[in-house]
Amino acid sequence: MKPQSPDISSFDRQISVRQGLLALSPMFVFLVLYLVVSLIIGDFYKMPLSVAFIAASVWAVIIDRRKPLADRIETFSKAAGSSNIIYMIWIFILAGAFASLAKETGAIEATVTATLHFLPYQLMLPGLFLAACFISLSIGTSVGTVVALVPLAVDLASSGGGDVAMFVAAVLGGAFFGDNLSFISDTTIAATRTQSVAMNAKFKANLKIVVPAALVSLAIYAVLGSQVNAVAPTVEMKPLLIVPYLLIIIMALIGLNVTVVLVSGIIAAMLIASLSEGYSLLDLAGFLGAGVDSMGDLIIITLLSAGMLGIIKSTGGINFLLQRMTRHIRGVRGAKVSIAALVAAVNVCTANNTVAIITVGSLSKKIADHYGIEGARTASLLDTCSCIMQCLLPYGAQTLLAVGLAGLSPGDPWPYLYYPWCLAVAVAVGIMVTRPSGK
């Protein structure tokens, strides 16, 4: 007798197709305006991300007719002004301020010069990917890794005539390696708790997937890096200016809060620039202000996307996805595909991999228990697939922060994001070779 699909009626009220598609329609508006239009014209700079989100946000407010307009706006505003979003905006502000200060005072240039003095330029691209993997694994956060490495990646690429988007993509890929695998990552904690498994069991299950993907990605970046013929610039070494940047990396590796790390880096950079380079406090304040201003678009996009996604959730869009995607599960492979698709789809609608895992965690456990899938493998699947989708989202916080620091369009790193695609292939292979017993 074939096992029946798990009953999800205990999770949420049933939502009709019409209501569900209407609830998800703001996401379709955004995807058409930004991704589809950009792909058709072949240019991700023509359609501003903020404009696409404004249109989708207005549509989201319009379609929620169950409530008065004031209540709809309040739902949007509460989602946009949640503590997680405001915290992320603080990180954006501090990251922009430090990046501008470090650039204008010569800290990043000094770090690049020192790096190229000891390593050939051809090793920079795979080296950045490895560094991002190591740092993210140590600190358990992709955002902190992006903050630490993207400014360096931009200057390394520029110094040798490399593709900035490729260097930024290498950092993004490596950042999600640790976000997925680290014991102290929010996604690891969420995945293991929702599936009631030990972290080391999930870690072992994860290794079989992420290591092959990381090795293939490293090989690709090594080949691409070897094709660059550049020499280190012959400029004066200024070791003292490297201190703020080293401080950022060391404090991140220690595991301090990212806001503490950035504030400390800003203070150190200001002191050194003032004492060794003769910058006035007014000059330094100008550099900080320019950095904060440069994050303006990023902050607006973050607020708009959070508000829009909040309305999608309140109108039942996410619940509709959960219901429709679990209706026709057949067998262990089908169950794993459903779990992977669920967390990826919800991640698209929330732009937050931790939230996506928490949202589908209990349902995924029910599916896994029904089909005899080990908890560690389910936790690994949830974490890995959410990180894949988060890395590929042009409006994900990590991508927005990276392109904001690098001065790129959100779509620019896409062609060079080899790690998430390799990871997706590894997940697909892992599902295909699943034995019928699920063990």
Protein backbone atom coordinates (compact mmCIF):
# COMPACT_ATOMS: atom_id res chain seq x y z
CA MET A 1 0.00 0.00 0.00
CA LYS A 2 1.43 3.38 -1.03
CA PRO A 3 1.89 5.94 1.74
CA GLN A 4 -0.55 8.83 1.52
CA SER A 5 0.58 12.43 1.41
CA PRO A 6 0.96 13.92 4.90
CA ASP A 7 -2.07 15.77 6.20
CA ILE A 8 -1.24 19.46 6.39
CA SER A 9 -4.65 20.60 7.55
CA SER A 10 -3.27 20.94 11.05
CA PHE A 11 -0.84 23.59 9.86
CA ASP A 12 -3.00 26.18 8.09
CA ARG A 13 -6.47 26.79 6.74
CA GLN A 14 -6.99 25.75 3.13
CA ILE A 15 -6.46 28.54 0.61
CA SER A 16 -8.05 28.50 -2.83
CA VAL A 17 -5.94 28.66 -5.99
CA ARG A 18 -7.37 32.05 -6.88
CA GLN A 19 -6.66 33.49 -3.44
CA GLY A 20 -3.20 31.93 -3.32
CA LEU A 21 -2.12 33.18 -6.71
CA LEU A 22 -3.48 36.63 -5.91
CA ALA A 23 -1.49 36.65 -2.66
CA LEU A 24 1.68 35.72 -4.58
CA SER A 25 1.03 38.15 -7.45
CA PRO A 26 3.24 40.96 -6.01
CA MET A 27 6.18 38.59 -6.37
CA PHE A 28 5.20 37.91 -9.99
CA VAL A 29 5.00 41.67 -10.63
CA PHE A 30 8.48 42.12 -9.25
CA LEU A 31 9.94 39.19 -11.20
CA VAL A 32 8.44 40.43 -14.47
CA LEU A 33 9.52 44.03 -13.98
CA TYR A 34 13.06 43.28 -12.87
CA LEU A 35 14.26 39.85 -13.94
CA VAL A 36 12.22 39.33 -17.10
CA VAL A 37 12.67 42.86 -18.41
CA SER A 38 16.38 42.83 -17.59
CA LEU A 39 16.87 39.47 -19.32
CA ILE A 40 14.96 40.61 -22.42
CA ILE A 41 17.00 43.78 -22.86
CA GLY A 42 20.20 42.07 -21.69
CA ASP A 43 21.05 44.77 -19.15
CA PHE A 44 20.43 44.60 -15.39
CA TYR A 45 21.18 48.31 -15.00
CA LYS A 46 18.23 49.59 -17.05
CA MET A 47 15.48 48.57 -14.62
CA PRO A 48 16.27 49.87 -11.11
CA LEU A 49 15.54 47.33 -8.41
CA SER A 50 13.86 49.99 -6.28
CA VAL A 51 11.36 50.83 -9.05
CA ALA A 52 10.41 47.17 -9.46
CA PHE A 53 9.85 46.87 -5.71
CA ILE A 54 7.82 50.09 -5.57
CA ALA A 55 5.45 48.78 -8.26
CA ALA A 56 5.21 45.36 -6.58
CA SER A 57 4.66 46.95 -3.14
CA VAL A 58 1.88 49.22 -4.40
CA TRP A 59 0.23 46.22 -6.04
CA ALA A 60 0.55 44.24 -2.79
CA VAL A 61 -1.27 46.97 -0.86
CA ILE A 62 -3.98 47.26 -3.53
CA ILE A 63 -4.89 43.57 -3.72
CA ASP A 64 -5.35 42.99 0.02
CA ARG A 65 -8.99 44.07 -0.02
CA ARG A 66 -9.95 42.22 3.18
CA LYS A 67 -8.71 45.14 5.29
CA PRO A 68 -9.10 48.91 5.20
CA LEU A 69 -6.32 50.79 3.44
CA ALA A 70 -4.90 52.04 6.75
CA ASP A 71 -4.59 48.47 8.03
CA ARG A 72 -2.89 47.32 4.82
CA ILE A 73 -0.35 50.11 5.09
CA GLU A 74 0.19 49.20 8.73
CA THR A 75 0.88 45.56 7.78
CA PHE A 76 3.40 46.73 5.19
CA SER A 77 5.03 49.14 7.65
CA LYS A 78 5.30 46.61 10.48
CA ALA A 79 7.01 44.11 8.20
CA ALA A 80 9.37 46.76 6.83
CA GLY A 81 10.13 48.06 10.32
CA SER A 82 10.67 44.72 12.05
CA SER A 83 13.66 44.41 14.36
CA ASN A 84 15.48 42.10 11.94
CA ILE A 85 15.16 44.60 9.09
CA ILE A 86 16.25 47.58 11.19
CA TYR A 87 19.22 45.58 12.45
CA MET A 88 20.17 44.76 8.87
CA ILE A 89 19.93 48.44 7.95
CA TRP A 90 22.28 49.31 10.80
CA ILE A 91 24.77 46.84 9.36
CA PHE A 92 24.39 48.40 5.91
CA ILE A 93 24.99 51.89 7.30
CA LEU A 94 28.08 50.90 9.28
CA ALA A 95 29.45 48.78 6.43
CA GLY A 96 29.06 51.65 3.96
CA ALA A 97 30.70 54.08 6.37
CA PHE A 98 33.68 51.79 7.02
CA ALA A 99 34.14 50.89 3.35
CA SER A 100 34.19 54.56 2.32
CA LEU A 101 36.53 55.51 5.16
CA ALA A 102 38.91 52.62 4.44
CA LYS A 103 38.97 53.42 0.73
CA GLU A 104 39.49 57.17 1.07
CA THR A 105 42.19 56.88 3.73
CA GLY A 106 44.10 54.18 1.83
CA ALA A 107 43.44 51.23 4.15
CA ILE A 108 42.05 48.96 1.43
CA GLU A 109 44.71 50.00 -1.08
CA ALA A 110 47.41 49.22 1.48
CA THR A 111 45.86 45.80 2.13
CA VAL A 112 45.70 45.03 -1.58
CA THR A 113 49.31 46.11 -2.07
CA ALA A 114 50.49 43.90 0.79
CA THR A 115 48.47 40.94 -0.49
CA LEU A 116 49.81 41.23 -4.03
CA HIS A 117 53.32 41.61 -2.66
CA PHE A 118 53.23 38.09 -1.22
CA LEU A 119 50.88 36.27 -3.63
CA PRO A 120 50.68 36.31 -7.44
CA TYR A 121 47.55 37.90 -8.84
CA GLN A 122 46.59 34.62 -10.53
CA LEU A 123 45.88 33.11 -7.09
CA MET A 124 43.70 35.95 -5.86
CA LEU A 125 40.37 34.66 -7.20
CA PRO A 126 40.55 31.12 -5.75
CA GLY A 127 42.23 32.60 -2.68
CA LEU A 128 39.28 34.90 -2.06
CA PHE A 129 36.86 31.99 -2.40
CA LEU A 130 38.87 29.95 0.12
CA ALA A 131 39.15 32.91 2.49
CA ALA A 132 35.39 33.45 2.32
CA CYS A 133 34.79 29.75 3.03
CA PHE A 134 37.13 29.82 6.02
CA ILE A 135 35.83 33.08 7.50
CA SER A 136 32.16 32.19 7.06
CA LEU A 137 32.74 28.75 8.57
CA SER A 138 34.45 30.39 11.54
CA ILE A 139 31.96 33.16 12.21
CA GLY A 140 28.79 31.47 10.93
CA THR A 141 27.45 34.46 9.04
CA SER A 142 27.47 35.26 5.35
CA VAL A 143 26.77 38.95 6.02
CA GLY A 144 29.85 39.31 8.20
CA THR A 145 31.97 37.60 5.55
CA VAL A 146 30.68 39.93 2.85
CA VAL A 147 31.45 42.94 5.03
CA ALA A 148 34.99 41.70 5.65
CA LEU A 149 35.98 40.64 2.15
CA VAL A 150 34.02 42.47 -0.56
CA PRO A 151 35.92 45.79 -0.28
CA LEU A 152 39.18 43.85 -0.60
CA ALA A 153 37.80 41.84 -3.52
CA VAL A 154 36.82 45.02 -5.37
CA ASP A 155 40.26 46.58 -5.04
CA LEU A 156 42.04 43.33 -5.89
CA ALA A 157 40.02 43.03 -9.08
CA SER A 158 40.56 46.68 -9.99
CA SER A 159 44.29 46.57 -9.35
CA GLY A 160 44.83 43.84 -11.93
CA GLY A 161 42.12 44.65 -14.43
CA GLY A 162 39.98 41.72 -13.31
CA ASP A 163 36.21 41.44 -13.43
CA VAL A 164 34.87 42.97 -10.21
CA ALA A 165 31.61 41.01 -10.47
CA MET A 166 33.55 37.73 -10.68
CA PHE A 167 35.59 38.55 -7.57
CA VAL A 168 32.47 39.59 -5.66
CA ALA A 169 30.71 36.37 -6.75
CA ALA A 170 33.61 34.31 -5.39
CA VAL A 171 33.18 36.00 -2.01
CA LEU A 172 29.41 35.47 -2.06
CA GLY A 173 29.77 31.78 -2.87
CA GLY A 174 32.34 31.23 -0.14
CA ALA A 175 30.23 33.21 2.33
CA PHE A 176 27.35 30.78 1.92
CA PHE A 177 29.65 27.79 2.34
CA GLY A 178 30.05 28.65 6.02
CA ASP A 179 26.51 29.97 6.39
CA ASN A 180 25.38 26.47 5.45
CA LEU A 181 27.98 24.43 7.30
CA SER A 182 29.02 26.36 10.43
CA PHE A 183 27.92 25.14 13.86
CA ILE A 184 27.12 28.70 14.95
CA SER A 185 25.18 29.72 11.83
CA ASP A 186 21.54 30.76 12.33
CA THR A 187 20.50 28.42 9.53
CA THR A 188 22.26 25.46 11.13
CA ILE A 189 20.65 26.17 14.47
CA ALA A 190 17.20 26.58 12.89
CA ALA A 191 17.53 23.44 10.76
CA THR A 192 18.73 21.19 13.57
CA ARG A 193 16.19 22.45 16.09
CA THR A 194 13.21 22.08 13.76
CA GLN A 195 14.29 18.51 12.97
CA SER A 196 15.37 17.64 16.54
CA VAL A 197 18.83 16.41 15.53
CA ALA A 198 22.35 17.00 16.82
CA MET A 199 24.49 19.55 15.02
CA ASN A 200 27.33 17.12 14.42
CA ALA A 201 24.96 14.68 12.69
CA LYS A 202 23.73 17.42 10.38
CA PHE A 203 27.35 18.54 9.82
CA LYS A 204 28.37 15.06 8.67
CA ALA A 205 25.41 14.82 6.32
CA ASN A 206 26.20 18.27 4.95
CA LEU A 207 29.86 17.53 4.26
CA LYS A 208 28.99 14.94 1.63
CA ILE A 209 27.15 17.62 -0.35
CA VAL A 210 29.09 20.83 0.16
CA VAL A 211 32.69 19.59 -0.11
CA PRO A 212 32.40 18.30 -3.71
CA ALA A 213 30.57 21.50 -4.72
CA ALA A 214 33.22 23.67 -3.06
CA LEU A 215 36.09 21.76 -4.70
CA VAL A 216 34.55 22.06 -8.16
CA SER A 217 33.94 25.79 -7.60
CA LEU A 218 37.50 26.27 -6.38
CA ALA A 219 38.81 24.55 -9.51
CA ILE A 220 36.69 26.82 -11.72
CA TYR A 221 37.94 29.96 -9.98
CA ALA A 222 41.52 28.69 -10.17
CA VAL A 223 41.21 28.21 -13.94
CA LEU A 224 39.63 31.64 -14.39
CA GLY A 225 42.25 33.26 -12.18
CA SER A 226 45.13 31.64 -14.05
CA GLN A 227 44.02 33.35 -17.26
CA VAL A 228 44.74 36.80 -15.84
CA ASN A 229 48.15 38.26 -16.61
CA ALA A 230 48.75 41.01 -14.11
CA VAL A 231 51.61 42.16 -11.91
CA ALA A 232 51.50 43.70 -8.49
CA PRO A 233 51.43 47.51 -8.52
CA THR A 234 54.67 49.18 -7.52
CA VAL A 235 53.43 51.52 -4.81
CA GLU A 236 54.70 52.30 -1.35
CA MET A 237 53.87 49.79 1.35
CA LYS A 238 52.03 51.31 4.35
CA PRO A 239 51.64 48.52 6.91
CA LEU A 240 49.99 50.74 9.53
CA LEU A 241 47.02 51.40 7.26
CA ILE A 242 46.33 47.67 7.11
CA VAL A 243 45.55 47.52 10.82
CA PRO A 244 41.84 48.57 10.60
CA TYR A 245 41.18 45.99 7.95
CA LEU A 246 43.03 43.26 9.83
CA LEU A 247 41.09 44.26 12.94
CA ILE A 248 37.81 43.74 11.09
CA ILE A 249 38.80 40.23 9.99
CA ILE A 250 40.28 39.18 13.35
CA MET A 251 37.30 40.43 15.37
CA ALA A 252 34.94 38.70 12.95
CA LEU A 253 36.86 35.45 13.35
CA ILE A 254 36.63 35.78 17.13
CA GLY A 255 32.87 35.84 16.70
CA LEU A 256 32.01 39.33 17.92
CA ASN A 257 28.77 40.96 16.87
CA VAL A 258 29.10 42.44 13.38
CA THR A 259 28.01 45.91 14.56
CA VAL A 260 30.74 45.88 17.24
CA VAL A 261 33.24 44.76 14.60
CA LEU A 262 32.32 47.57 12.23
CA VAL A 263 32.27 50.30 14.88
CA SER A 264 35.69 49.17 16.11
CA GLY A 265 37.03 49.20 12.56
CA ILE A 266 35.71 52.70 11.98
CA ILE A 267 37.30 54.02 15.17
CA ALA A 268 40.64 52.37 14.38
CA ALA A 269 40.64 53.69 10.81
CA MET A 270 39.86 57.22 11.99
CA LEU A 271 42.62 57.21 14.61
CA ILE A 272 45.28 55.84 12.26
CA ALA A 273 44.27 58.09 9.35
CA SER A 274 44.33 61.12 11.62
CA LEU A 275 47.64 60.36 13.32
CA SER A 276 49.65 58.87 10.43
CA GLU A 277 48.13 60.49 7.34
CA GLY A 278 47.14 63.88 8.73
CA TYR A 279 43.42 63.75 7.91
CA SER A 280 41.26 66.20 9.86
CA LEU A 281 38.16 65.08 11.73
CA LEU A 282 36.05 67.05 9.24
CA ASP A 283 37.63 65.13 6.33
CA LEU A 284 36.98 61.82 8.06
CA ALA A 285 33.38 62.81 8.83
CA GLY A 286 32.93 63.60 5.13
CA PHE A 287 34.20 60.14 4.17
CA LEU A 288 31.81 58.51 6.66
CA GLY A 289 28.87 60.56 5.40
CA ALA A 290 29.59 59.63 1.79
CA GLY A 291 29.62 55.96 2.77
CA VAL A 292 26.28 56.23 4.54
CA ASP A 293 24.80 58.03 1.53
CA SER A 294 26.02 55.27 -0.78
CA MET A 295 23.80 52.80 1.08
CA GLY A 296 20.63 54.81 0.43
CA ASP A 297 19.32 52.70 -2.46
CA LEU A 298 20.14 49.50 -0.61
CA ILE A 299 18.20 50.64 2.47
CA ILE A 300 15.18 51.64 0.38
CA ILE A 301 15.18 48.29 -1.43
CA THR A 302 15.42 46.43 1.88
CA LEU A 303 12.45 48.31 3.35
CA LEU A 304 10.29 47.90 0.25
CA SER A 305 11.03 44.21 -0.17
CA ALA A 306 10.39 43.47 3.52
CA GLY A 307 7.06 45.30 3.45
CA MET A 308 5.94 43.58 0.25
CA LEU A 309 6.90 40.15 1.55
CA GLY A 310 5.09 40.88 4.81
CA ILE A 311 1.84 41.46 2.91
CA ILE A 312 2.39 38.28 0.86
CA LYS A 313 2.67 36.34 4.11
CA SER A 314 -0.35 38.01 5.73
CA THR A 315 -2.57 37.34 2.71
CA GLY A 316 -1.74 33.63 2.75
CA GLY A 317 0.81 33.41 -0.05
CA ILE A 318 3.31 31.33 1.91
CA ASN A 319 0.62 29.05 3.35
CA PHE A 320 -0.68 28.50 -0.17
CA LEU A 321 2.79 27.38 -1.29
CA LEU A 322 3.04 24.94 1.60
CA GLN A 323 -0.32 23.41 0.79
CA ARG A 324 0.04 23.12 -2.97
CA MET A 325 3.59 21.77 -2.92
CA THR A 326 2.82 18.91 -0.53
CA ARG A 327 -0.33 17.57 -2.20
CA HIS A 328 1.20 14.95 -4.48
CA ILE A 329 4.25 13.59 -2.67
CA ARG A 330 5.13 10.03 -3.73
CA GLY A 331 8.04 8.09 -2.27
CA VAL A 332 11.26 9.12 -0.55
CA ARG A 333 12.69 10.95 -3.54
CA GLY A 334 9.46 12.88 -3.99
CA ALA A 335 9.44 13.76 -0.31
CA LYS A 336 13.00 15.11 -0.50
CA VAL A 337 12.23 17.08 -3.64
CA SER A 338 9.18 18.56 -1.92
CA ILE A 339 11.20 19.59 1.15
CA ALA A 340 13.86 21.17 -1.04
CA ALA A 341 11.29 22.97 -3.19
CA LEU A 342 9.31 24.15 -0.16
CA VAL A 343 12.22 25.84 1.58
CA ALA A 344 13.48 27.33 -1.71
CA ALA A 345 10.05 28.71 -2.63
CA VAL A 346 9.47 30.22 0.80
CA ASN A 347 12.98 31.68 0.68
CA VAL A 348 12.04 33.47 -2.55
CA CYS A 349 9.02 34.95 -0.74
CA THR A 350 10.89 35.97 2.41
CA ALA A 351 14.44 36.69 1.16
CA ASN A 352 15.69 35.23 4.43
CA ASN A 353 17.06 31.69 4.61
CA THR A 354 16.68 31.36 8.38
CA VAL A 355 13.05 32.49 8.28
CA ALA A 356 12.39 30.08 5.40
CA ILE A 357 13.76 27.14 7.40
CA ILE A 358 11.69 28.04 10.47
CA THR A 359 8.56 28.50 8.33
CA VAL A 360 8.69 25.05 6.70
CA GLY A 361 10.60 23.21 9.43
CA SER A 362 7.69 21.57 11.23
CA LEU A 363 5.98 20.54 7.99
CA SER A 364 9.25 19.17 6.63
CA LYS A 365 9.72 17.09 9.77
CA LYS A 366 6.24 15.64 9.37
CA ILE A 367 7.00 14.72 5.76
CA ALA A 368 10.40 13.25 6.71
CA ASP A 369 8.96 11.17 9.55
CA HIS A 370 6.20 9.87 7.30
CA TYR A 371 8.66 8.66 4.66
CA GLY A 372 11.44 7.52 7.00
CA ILE A 373 13.98 10.21 6.07
CA GLU A 374 16.70 10.70 8.66
CA GLY A 375 16.49 13.96 10.60
CA ALA A 376 20.11 14.86 9.85
CA ARG A 377 19.51 14.56 6.11
CA THR A 378 16.34 16.62 6.33
CA ALA A 379 18.16 19.33 8.29
CA SER A 380 20.98 19.28 5.75
CA LEU A 381 18.50 19.55 2.89
CA LEU A 382 16.67 22.49 4.48
CA ASP A 383 19.86 24.40 5.26
CA THR A 384 21.55 23.71 1.92
CA CYS A 385 18.58 24.54 -0.32
CA SER A 386 17.77 27.72 1.59
CA CYS A 387 21.38 28.88 1.25
CA ILE A 388 21.40 28.06 -2.48
CA MET A 389 18.32 30.19 -3.07
CA GLN A 390 19.46 33.01 -0.81
CA CYS A 391 22.78 33.22 -2.66
CA LEU A 392 21.01 33.41 -6.03
CA LEU A 393 18.41 36.02 -5.06
CA PRO A 394 19.30 39.43 -6.51
CA TYR A 395 17.34 41.01 -3.66
CA GLY A 396 18.84 38.89 -0.88
CA ALA A 397 20.52 40.90 1.89
CA GLN A 398 23.96 39.43 1.20
CA THR A 399 23.84 40.20 -2.53
CA LEU A 400 22.45 43.68 -1.97
CA LEU A 401 25.17 44.43 0.56
CA ALA A 402 27.90 43.04 -1.71
CA VAL A 403 26.82 44.94 -4.81
CA GLY A 404 26.24 48.06 -2.72
CA LEU A 405 29.82 47.95 -1.47
CA ALA A 406 31.12 47.13 -4.94
CA GLY A 407 29.00 49.61 -6.90
CA LEU A 408 27.45 46.88 -9.07
CA SER A 409 23.96 45.96 -10.23
CA PRO A 410 22.31 43.09 -8.29
CA GLY A 411 22.39 40.95 -11.43
CA ASP A 412 26.11 41.40 -12.15
CA PRO A 413 27.49 38.57 -9.96
CA TRP A 414 24.96 36.06 -11.32
CA PRO A 415 27.04 34.63 -14.21
CA TYR A 416 29.91 33.88 -11.81
CA LEU A 417 28.01 32.33 -8.89
CA TYR A 418 29.41 28.86 -9.52
CA TYR A 419 29.19 27.59 -5.96
CA PRO A 420 25.39 27.68 -5.49
CA TRP A 421 24.87 26.01 -8.87
CA CYS A 422 27.44 23.31 -8.06
CA LEU A 423 25.70 22.87 -4.72
CA ALA A 424 22.34 22.54 -6.45
CA VAL A 425 23.75 19.81 -8.68
CA ALA A 426 25.19 18.04 -5.62
CA VAL A 427 21.78 18.16 -3.91
CA ALA A 428 20.04 16.81 -7.02
CA VAL A 429 22.53 13.94 -7.30
CA GLY A 430 22.10 13.18 -3.60
CA ILE A 431 18.33 12.95 -4.03
CA MET A 432 18.59 10.80 -7.17
CA VAL A 433 20.83 8.22 -5.51
CA THR A 434 18.52 7.91 -2.50
CA ARG A 435 17.76 4.29 -1.76
CA PRO A 436 14.09 3.37 -1.48
CA SER A 437 14.39 2.90 2.25
CA GLY A 438 15.52 6.50 2.62
CA LYS A 439 18.70 5.41 4.35
